Amino acid sequence: MARFLINFLFFLLPFATYWVFILISRKAEDRPDLKWSEAPFGWLIVAGLTLGVGSMVVAGIYTANTAGTDYEPARLIDGEIQSGTVE
């Protein structure tokens, strides 16, 4: 669940950045006519997806690897199910 939230935050980052840009531009009176409804949503979505997928790739590369551990699946011994183990 935490990884999903982190990826979702990476997706929302371009939208938040553009929103801050609009606020700063309005206060500086450089471009007071900027509106959220005229935002480049296509580019924001592409940037958000790129950041989200990129964060998944980086997390997959740098997440602790459990190499050297073996999973032993559940077994049926004498009519009883013994759960699987990781050794």
PDB file of N, CA and C in Angstrom:
ATOM      1  N   MET A   1       0.821  -1.197   0.000  1.00  0.00           N
ATOM      2  CA  MET A   1       0.000   0.000   0.000  1.00  0.00           C
ATOM      3  C   MET A   1       0.863   1.258   0.000  1.00  0.00           C
ATOM      4  N   ALA A   2       1.941   1.222   0.776  1.00  0.00           N
ATOM      5  CA  ALA A   2       2.821   2.390   0.842  1.00  0.00           C
ATOM      6  C   ALA A   2       3.472   2.649  -0.512  1.00  0.00           C
ATOM      7  N   ARG A   3       3.860   1.587  -1.197  1.00  0.00           N
ATOM      8  CA  ARG A   3       4.489   1.765  -2.510  1.00  0.00           C
ATOM      9  C   ARG A   3       3.499   2.377  -3.500  1.00  0.00           C
ATOM     10  N   PHE A   4       2.239   1.968  -3.425  1.00  0.00           N
ATOM     11  CA  PHE A   4       1.217   2.553  -4.295  1.00  0.00           C
ATOM     12  C   PHE A   4       1.069   4.045  -4.023  1.00  0.00           C
ATOM     13  N   LEU A   5       1.032   4.427  -2.757  1.00  0.00           N
ATOM     14  CA  LEU A   5       0.893   5.844  -2.413  1.00  0.00           C
ATOM     15  C   LEU A   5       2.090   6.653  -2.879  1.00  0.00           C
ATOM     16  N   ILE A   6       3.281   6.102  -2.746  1.00  0.00           N
ATOM     17  CA  ILE A   6       4.475   6.808  -3.206  1.00  0.00           C
ATOM     18  C   ILE A   6       4.421   6.995  -4.715  1.00  0.00           C
ATOM     19  N   ASN A   7       4.049   5.961  -5.452  1.00  0.00           N
ATOM     20  CA  ASN A   7       3.940   6.083  -6.909  1.00  0.00           C
ATOM     21  C   ASN A   7       2.856   7.078  -7.296  1.00  0.00           C
ATOM     22  N   PHE A   8       1.757   7.086  -6.558  1.00  0.00           N
ATOM     23  CA  PHE A   8       0.685   8.039  -6.841  1.00  0.00           C
ATOM     24  C   PHE A   8       1.149   9.472  -6.582  1.00  0.00           C
ATOM     25  N   LEU A   9       1.938   9.669  -5.534  1.00  0.00           N
ATOM     26  CA  LEU A   9       2.479  11.006  -5.259  1.00  0.00           C
ATOM     27  C   LEU A   9       3.435  11.447  -6.362  1.00  0.00           C
ATOM     28  N   PHE A  10       4.234  10.516  -6.886  1.00  0.00           N
ATOM     29  CA  PHE A  10       5.098  10.856  -8.015  1.00  0.00           C
ATOM     30  C   PHE A  10       4.264  11.238  -9.235  1.00  0.00           C
ATOM     31  N   PHE A  11       3.132  10.567  -9.424  1.00  0.00           N
ATOM     32  CA  PHE A  11       2.247  10.916 -10.535  1.00  0.00           C
ATOM     33  C   PHE A  11       1.665  12.316 -10.356  1.00  0.00           C
ATOM     34  N   LEU A  12       1.314  12.678  -9.128  1.00  0.00           N
ATOM     35  CA  LEU A  12       0.703  13.984  -8.863  1.00  0.00           C
ATOM     36  C   LEU A  12       1.706  15.133  -8.836  1.00  0.00           C
ATOM     37  N   LEU A  13       2.987  14.830  -8.747  1.00  0.00           N
ATOM     38  CA  LEU A  13       4.013  15.867  -8.623  1.00  0.00           C
ATOM     39  C   LEU A  13       3.983  16.904  -9.753  1.00  0.00           C
ATOM     40  N   PRO A  14       3.871  16.538 -11.037  1.00  0.00           N
ATOM     41  CA  PRO A  14       3.804  17.561 -12.082  1.00  0.00           C
ATOM     42  C   PRO A  14       2.575  18.468 -11.958  1.00  0.00           C
ATOM     43  N   PHE A  15       1.453  17.912 -11.535  1.00  0.00           N
ATOM     44  CA  PHE A  15       0.247  18.720 -11.364  1.00  0.00           C
ATOM     45  C   PHE A  15       0.429  19.729 -10.238  1.00  0.00           C
ATOM     46  N   ALA A  16       1.019  19.288  -9.130  1.00  0.00           N
ATOM     47  CA  ALA A  16       1.269  20.192  -8.005  1.00  0.00           C
ATOM     48  C   ALA A  16       2.270  21.271  -8.394  1.00  0.00           C
ATOM     49  N   THR A  17       3.293  20.901  -9.144  1.00  0.00           N
ATOM     50  CA  THR A  17       4.291  21.875  -9.588  1.00  0.00           C
ATOM     51  C   THR A  17       3.654  22.920 -10.499  1.00  0.00           C
ATOM     52  N   TYR A  18       2.804  22.490 -11.409  1.00  0.00           N
ATOM     53  CA  TYR A  18       2.139  23.444 -12.304  1.00  0.00           C
ATOM     54  C   TYR A  18       1.190  24.349 -11.524  1.00  0.00           C
ATOM     55  N   TRP A  19       0.521  23.810 -10.526  1.00  0.00           N
ATOM     56  CA  TRP A  19      -0.382  24.615  -9.698  1.00  0.00           C
ATOM     57  C   TRP A  19       0.405  25.695  -8.959  1.00  0.00           C
ATOM     58  N   VAL A  20       1.564  25.326  -8.401  1.00  0.00           N
ATOM     59  CA  VAL A  20       2.413  26.314  -7.720  1.00  0.00           C
ATOM     60  C   VAL A  20       2.894  27.359  -8.723  1.00  0.00           C
ATOM     61  N   PHE A  21       3.243  26.935  -9.929  1.00  0.00           N
ATOM     62  CA  PHE A  21       3.659  27.869 -10.979  1.00  0.00           C
ATOM     63  C   PHE A  21       2.555  28.876 -11.286  1.00  0.00           C
ATOM     64  N   ILE A  22       1.315  28.407 -11.363  1.00  0.00           N
ATOM     65  CA  ILE A  22       0.190  29.314 -11.621  1.00  0.00           C
ATOM     66  C   ILE A  22       0.047  30.318 -10.482  1.00  0.00           C
ATOM     67  N   LEU A  23       0.128  29.844  -9.243  1.00  0.00           N
ATOM     68  CA  LEU A  23       0.000  30.747  -8.097  1.00  0.00           C
ATOM     69  C   LEU A  23       1.096  31.800  -8.082  1.00  0.00           C
ATOM     70  N   ILE A  24       2.329  31.393  -8.326  1.00  0.00           N
ATOM     71  CA  ILE A  24       3.445  32.343  -8.323  1.00  0.00           C
ATOM     72  C   ILE A  24       3.308  33.329  -9.472  1.00  0.00           C
ATOM     73  N   SER A  25       2.893  32.857 -10.633  1.00  0.00           N
ATOM     74  CA  SER A  25       2.742  33.743 -11.791  1.00  0.00           C
ATOM     75  C   SER A  25       1.645  34.770 -11.572  1.00  0.00           C
ATOM     76  N   ARG A  26       0.571  34.376 -10.925  1.00  0.00           N
ATOM     77  CA  ARG A  26      -0.514  35.327 -10.656  1.00  0.00           C
ATOM     78  C   ARG A  26      -0.073  36.392  -9.661  1.00  0.00           C
ATOM     79  N   LYS A  27       0.670  35.982  -8.625  1.00  0.00           N
ATOM     80  CA  LYS A  27       1.108  36.952  -7.622  1.00  0.00           C
ATOM     81  C   LYS A  27       2.152  37.901  -8.186  1.00  0.00           C
ATOM     82  N   ALA A  28       3.004  37.410  -9.080  1.00  0.00           N
ATOM     83  CA  ALA A  28       4.034  38.256  -9.671  1.00  0.00           C
ATOM     84  C   ALA A  28       3.459  39.114 -10.793  1.00  0.00           C
ATOM     85  N   GLU A  29       2.234  38.857 -11.165  1.00  0.00           N
ATOM     86  CA  GLU A  29       1.526  39.577 -12.224  1.00  0.00           C
ATOM     87  C   GLU A  29       2.236  39.479 -13.568  1.00  0.00           C
ATOM     88  N   ASP A  30       3.010  38.413 -13.751  1.00  0.00           N
ATOM     89  CA  ASP A  30       3.626  38.187 -15.056  1.00  0.00           C
ATOM     90  C   ASP A  30       2.582  37.701 -16.057  1.00  0.00           C
ATOM     91  N   ARG A  31       1.780  36.769 -15.589  1.00  0.00           N
ATOM     92  CA  ARG A  31       0.755  36.191 -16.456  1.00  0.00           C
ATOM     93  C   ARG A  31      -0.511  35.990 -15.636  1.00  0.00           C
ATOM     94  N   PRO A  32      -1.229  37.044 -15.344  1.00  0.00           N
ATOM     95  CA  PRO A  32      -2.421  36.904 -14.498  1.00  0.00           C
ATOM     96  C   PRO A  32      -3.563  36.147 -15.175  1.00  0.00           C
ATOM     97  N   ASP A  33      -3.449  35.924 -16.478  1.00  0.00           N
ATOM     98  CA  ASP A  33      -4.532  35.255 -17.199  1.00  0.00           C
ATOM     99  C   ASP A  33      -4.390  33.729 -17.199  1.00  0.00           C
ATOM    100  N   LEU A  34      -3.377  33.182 -16.522  1.00  0.00           N
ATOM    101  CA  LEU A  34      -3.234  31.725 -16.456  1.00  0.00           C
ATOM    102  C   LEU A  34      -4.393  31.120 -15.677  1.00  0.00           C
ATOM    103  N   LYS A  35      -4.955  30.051 -16.222  1.00  0.00           N
ATOM    104  CA  LYS A  35      -6.074  29.368 -15.573  1.00  0.00           C
ATOM    105  C   LYS A  35      -5.776  27.879 -15.517  1.00  0.00           C
ATOM    106  N   TRP A  36      -6.255  27.250 -14.466  1.00  0.00           N
ATOM    107  CA  TRP A  36      -6.051  25.812 -14.311  1.00  0.00           C
ATOM    108  C   TRP A  36      -6.746  25.047 -15.432  1.00  0.00           C
ATOM    109  N   SER A  37      -7.867  25.558 -15.919  1.00  0.00           N
ATOM    110  CA  SER A  37      -8.606  24.858 -16.972  1.00  0.00           C
ATOM    111  C   SER A  37      -7.845  24.848 -18.295  1.00  0.00           C
ATOM    112  N   GLU A  38      -6.861  25.719 -18.438  1.00  0.00           N
ATOM    113  CA  GLU A  38      -6.063  25.771 -19.668  1.00  0.00           C
ATOM    114  C   GLU A  38      -4.715  25.070 -19.503  1.00  0.00           C
ATOM    115  N   ALA A  39      -4.582  24.278 -18.473  1.00  0.00           N
ATOM    116  CA  ALA A  39      -3.319  23.584 -18.205  1.00  0.00           C
ATOM    117  C   ALA A  39      -3.035  22.554 -19.297  1.00  0.00           C
ATOM    118  N   PRO A  40      -1.773  22.310 -19.575  1.00  0.00           N
ATOM    119  CA  PRO A  40      -1.412  21.287 -20.574  1.00  0.00           C
ATOM    120  C   PRO A  40      -1.529  19.887 -19.974  1.00  0.00           C
ATOM    121  N   PHE A  41      -2.768  19.427 -19.821  1.00  0.00           N
ATOM    122  CA  PHE A  41      -3.019  18.171 -19.116  1.00  0.00           C
ATOM    123  C   PHE A  41      -2.343  16.972 -19.777  1.00  0.00           C
ATOM    124  N   GLY A  42      -2.247  16.969 -21.082  1.00  0.00           N
ATOM    125  CA  GLY A  42      -1.575  15.859 -21.767  1.00  0.00           C
ATOM    126  C   GLY A  42      -0.128  15.725 -21.331  1.00  0.00           C
ATOM    127  N   TRP A  43       0.573  16.848 -21.315  1.00  0.00           N
ATOM    128  CA  TRP A  43       1.982  16.817 -20.902  1.00  0.00           C
ATOM    129  C   TRP A  43       2.124  16.515 -19.418  1.00  0.00           C
ATOM    130  N   LEU A  44       1.198  17.005 -18.616  1.00  0.00           N
ATOM    131  CA  LEU A  44       1.255  16.717 -17.182  1.00  0.00           C
ATOM    132  C   LEU A  44       1.033  15.232 -16.914  1.00  0.00           C
ATOM    133  N   ILE A  45       0.119  14.620 -17.655  1.00  0.00           N
ATOM    134  CA  ILE A  45      -0.138  13.189 -17.497  1.00  0.00           C
ATOM    135  C   ILE A  45       1.071  12.377 -17.945  1.00  0.00           C
ATOM    136  N   VAL A  46       1.667  12.749 -19.078  1.00  0.00           N
ATOM    137  CA  VAL A  46       2.859  12.039 -19.557  1.00  0.00           C
ATOM    138  C   VAL A  46       3.993  12.169 -18.548  1.00  0.00           C
ATOM    139  N   ALA A  47       4.194  13.374 -18.021  1.00  0.00           N
ATOM    140  CA  ALA A  47       5.250  13.577 -17.025  1.00  0.00           C
ATOM    141  C   ALA A  47       4.961  12.775 -15.758  1.00  0.00           C
ATOM    142  N   GLY A  48       3.707  12.758 -15.318  1.00  0.00           N
ATOM    143  CA  GLY A  48       3.343  11.999 -14.126  1.00  0.00           C
ATOM    144  C   GLY A  48       3.531  10.505 -14.311  1.00  0.00           C
ATOM    145  N   LEU A  49       3.122   9.989 -15.466  1.00  0.00           N
ATOM    146  CA  LEU A  49       3.310   8.563 -15.737  1.00  0.00           C
ATOM    147  C   LEU A  49       4.791   8.210 -15.812  1.00  0.00           C
ATOM    148  N   THR A  50       5.582   9.096 -16.416  1.00  0.00           N
ATOM    149  CA  THR A  50       7.023   8.854 -16.492  1.00  0.00           C
ATOM    150  C   THR A  50       7.634   8.793 -15.100  1.00  0.00           C
ATOM    151  N   LEU A  51       7.263   9.734 -14.238  1.00  0.00           N
ATOM    152  CA  LEU A  51       7.783   9.718 -12.870  1.00  0.00           C
ATOM    153  C   LEU A  51       7.298   8.489 -12.101  1.00  0.00           C
ATOM    154  N   GLY A  52       6.025   8.133 -12.262  1.00  0.00           N
ATOM    155  CA  GLY A  52       5.485   6.971 -11.561  1.00  0.00           C
ATOM    156  C   GLY A  52       6.145   5.675 -11.988  1.00  0.00           C
ATOM    157  N   VAL A  53       6.271   5.470 -13.290  1.00  0.00           N
ATOM    158  CA  VAL A  53       6.908   4.250 -13.795  1.00  0.00           C
ATOM    159  C   VAL A  53       8.391   4.253 -13.436  1.00  0.00           C
ATOM    160  N   GLY A  54       9.023   5.427 -13.538  1.00  0.00           N
ATOM    161  CA  GLY A  54      10.436   5.524 -13.166  1.00  0.00           C
ATOM    162  C   GLY A  54      10.667   5.170 -11.711  1.00  0.00           C
ATOM    163  N   SER A  55       9.764   5.605 -10.844  1.00  0.00           N
ATOM    164  CA  SER A  55       9.922   5.264  -9.425  1.00  0.00           C
ATOM    165  C   SER A  55       9.734   3.767  -9.194  1.00  0.00           C
ATOM    166  N   MET A  56       8.850   3.129  -9.972  1.00  0.00           N
ATOM    167  CA  MET A  56       8.689   1.678  -9.847  1.00  0.00           C
ATOM    168  C   MET A  56       9.944   0.942 -10.303  1.00  0.00           C
ATOM    169  N   VAL A  57      10.556   1.420 -11.385  1.00  0.00           N
ATOM    170  CA  VAL A  57      11.780   0.791 -11.885  1.00  0.00           C
ATOM    171  C   VAL A  57      12.901   0.939 -10.867  1.00  0.00           C
ATOM    172  N   VAL A  58      13.070   2.152 -10.340  1.00  0.00           N
ATOM    173  CA  VAL A  58      14.128   2.388  -9.352  1.00  0.00           C
ATOM    174  C   VAL A  58      13.880   1.561  -8.094  1.00  0.00           C
ATOM    175  N   ALA A  59      12.642   1.489  -7.650  1.00  0.00           N
ATOM    176  CA  ALA A  59      12.328   0.681  -6.465  1.00  0.00           C
ATOM    177  C   ALA A  59      12.605  -0.795  -6.730  1.00  0.00           C
ATOM    178  N   GLY A  60      12.309  -1.256  -7.931  1.00  0.00           N
ATOM    179  CA  GLY A  60      12.582  -2.649  -8.267  1.00  0.00           C
ATOM    180  C   GLY A  60      14.064  -2.964  -8.311  1.00  0.00           C
ATOM    181  N   ILE A  61      14.867  -1.987  -8.731  1.00  0.00           N
ATOM    182  CA  ILE A  61      16.309  -2.203  -8.809  1.00  0.00           C
ATOM    183  C   ILE A  61      16.942  -2.174  -7.427  1.00  0.00           C
ATOM    184  N   TYR A  62      16.535  -1.213  -6.606  1.00  0.00           N
ATOM    185  CA  TYR A  62      17.210  -0.989  -5.333  1.00  0.00           C
ATOM    186  C   TYR A  62      16.529  -1.617  -4.118  1.00  0.00           C
ATOM    187  N   THR A  63      15.421  -2.298  -4.306  1.00  0.00           N
ATOM    188  CA  THR A  63      14.765  -2.962  -3.182  1.00  0.00           C
ATOM    189  C   THR A  63      15.606  -4.164  -2.767  1.00  0.00           C
ATOM    190  N   ALA A  64      15.614  -4.429  -1.476  1.00  0.00           N
ATOM    191  CA  ALA A  64      16.420  -5.535  -0.963  1.00  0.00           C
ATOM    192  C   ALA A  64      16.054  -6.833  -1.674  1.00  0.00           C
ATOM    193  N   ASN A  65      17.046  -7.491  -2.163  1.00  0.00           N
ATOM    194  CA  ASN A  65      16.843  -8.743  -2.874  1.00  0.00           C
ATOM    195  C   ASN A  65      16.976  -9.898  -1.886  1.00  0.00           C
ATOM    196  N   THR A  66      16.097 -10.847  -1.984  1.00  0.00           N
ATOM    197  CA  THR A  66      16.130 -11.992  -1.076  1.00  0.00           C
ATOM    198  C   THR A  66      16.791 -13.188  -1.748  1.00  0.00           C
ATOM    199  N   ALA A  67      17.862 -12.929  -2.505  1.00  0.00           N
ATOM    200  CA  ALA A  67      18.572 -14.023  -3.164  1.00  0.00           C
ATOM    201  C   ALA A  67      19.181 -14.938  -2.109  1.00  0.00           C
ATOM    202  N   GLY A  68      19.171 -16.188  -2.391  1.00  0.00           N
ATOM    203  CA  GLY A  68      19.725 -17.154  -1.453  1.00  0.00           C
ATOM    204  C   GLY A  68      18.681 -17.746  -0.526  1.00  0.00           C
ATOM    205  N   THR A  69      17.460 -17.265  -0.599  1.00  0.00           N
ATOM    206  CA  THR A  69      16.399 -17.845   0.221  1.00  0.00           C
ATOM    207  C   THR A  69      15.564 -18.767  -0.659  1.00  0.00           C
ATOM    208  N   ASP A  70      15.099 -19.821  -0.078  1.00  0.00           N
ATOM    209  CA  ASP A  70      14.299 -20.796  -0.818  1.00  0.00           C
ATOM    210  C   ASP A  70      12.907 -20.875  -0.210  1.00  0.00           C
ATOM    211  N   TYR A  71      11.915 -20.934  -1.088  1.00  0.00           N
ATOM    212  CA  TYR A  71      10.533 -21.098  -0.645  1.00  0.00           C
ATOM    213  C   TYR A  71      10.168 -22.562  -0.773  1.00  0.00           C
ATOM    214  N   GLU A  72       9.680 -23.103   0.293  1.00  0.00           N
ATOM    215  CA  GLU A  72       9.197 -24.479   0.284  1.00  0.00           C
ATOM    216  C   GLU A  72       7.676 -24.418   0.334  1.00  0.00           C
ATOM    217  N   PRO A  73       6.986 -24.872  -0.713  1.00  0.00           N
ATOM    218  CA  PRO A  73       5.530 -24.741  -0.762  1.00  0.00           C
ATOM    219  C   PRO A  73       4.826 -25.607   0.288  1.00  0.00           C
ATOM    220  N   ALA A  74       3.552 -25.323   0.474  1.00  0.00           N
ATOM    221  CA  ALA A  74       2.735 -26.099   1.419  1.00  0.00           C
ATOM    222  C   ALA A  74       2.673 -27.554   0.963  1.00  0.00           C
ATOM    223  N   ARG A  75       2.584 -28.450   1.958  1.00  0.00           N
ATOM    224  CA  ARG A  75       2.574 -29.883   1.650  1.00  0.00           C
ATOM    225  C   ARG A  75       1.431 -30.566   2.387  1.00  0.00           C
ATOM    226  N   LEU A  76       1.048 -31.695   1.864  1.00  0.00           N
ATOM    227  CA  LEU A  76       0.040 -32.531   2.508  1.00  0.00           C
ATOM    228  C   LEU A  76       0.759 -33.749   3.083  1.00  0.00           C
ATOM    229  N   ILE A  77       0.863 -33.785   4.418  1.00  0.00           N
ATOM    230  CA  ILE A  77       1.554 -34.887   5.092  1.00  0.00           C
ATOM    231  C   ILE A  77       0.569 -35.549   6.051  1.00  0.00           C
ATOM    232  N   ASP A  78       0.337 -36.845   5.848  1.00  0.00           N
ATOM    233  CA  ASP A  78      -0.583 -37.633   6.675  1.00  0.00           C
ATOM    234  C   ASP A  78      -1.964 -36.986   6.776  1.00  0.00           C
ATOM    235  N   GLY A  79      -2.439 -36.434   5.680  1.00  0.00           N
ATOM    236  CA  GLY A  79      -3.770 -35.847   5.654  1.00  0.00           C
ATOM    237  C   GLY A  79      -3.860 -34.454   6.250  1.00  0.00           C
ATOM    238  N   GLU A  80      -2.737 -33.879   6.672  1.00  0.00           N
ATOM    239  CA  GLU A  80      -2.734 -32.522   7.229  1.00  0.00           C
ATOM    240  C   GLU A  80      -1.898 -31.612   6.338  1.00  0.00           C
ATOM    241  N   ILE A  81      -2.374 -30.403   6.190  1.00  0.00           N
ATOM    242  CA  ILE A  81      -1.650 -29.430   5.377  1.00  0.00           C
ATOM    243  C   ILE A  81      -0.642 -28.694   6.256  1.00  0.00           C
ATOM    244  N   GLN A  82       0.613 -28.749   5.855  1.00  0.00           N
ATOM    245  CA  GLN A  82       1.649 -27.970   6.525  1.00  0.00           C
ATOM    246  C   GLN A  82       1.957 -26.770   5.643  1.00  0.00           C
ATOM    247  N   SER A  83       1.933 -25.606   6.237  1.00  0.00           N
ATOM    248  CA  SER A  83       2.103 -24.391   5.450  1.00  0.00           C
ATOM    249  C   SER A  83       3.527 -24.274   4.916  1.00  0.00           C
ATOM    250  N   GLY A  84       3.669 -23.477   3.875  1.00  0.00           N
ATOM    251  CA  GLY A  84       4.963 -23.268   3.250  1.00  0.00           C
ATOM    252  C   GLY A  84       5.889 -22.439   4.128  1.00  0.00           C
ATOM    253  N   THR A  85       7.178 -22.566   3.878  1.00  0.00           N
ATOM    254  CA  THR A  85       8.171 -21.829   4.656  1.00  0.00           C
ATOM    255  C   THR A  85       9.196 -21.192   3.731  1.00  0.00           C
ATOM    256  N   VAL A  86       9.862 -20.180   4.239  1.00  0.00           N
ATOM    257  CA  VAL A  86      10.973 -19.546   3.537  1.00  0.00           C
ATOM    258  C   VAL A  86      12.215 -19.802   4.363  1.00  0.00           C
ATOM    259  N   GLU A  87      13.205 -20.400   3.741  1.00  0.00           N
ATOM    260  CA  GLU A  87      14.442 -20.724   4.463  1.00  0.00           C
ATOM    261  C   GLU A  87      15.609 -20.000   3.855  1.00  0.00           C
TER     262      GLU A  87
END
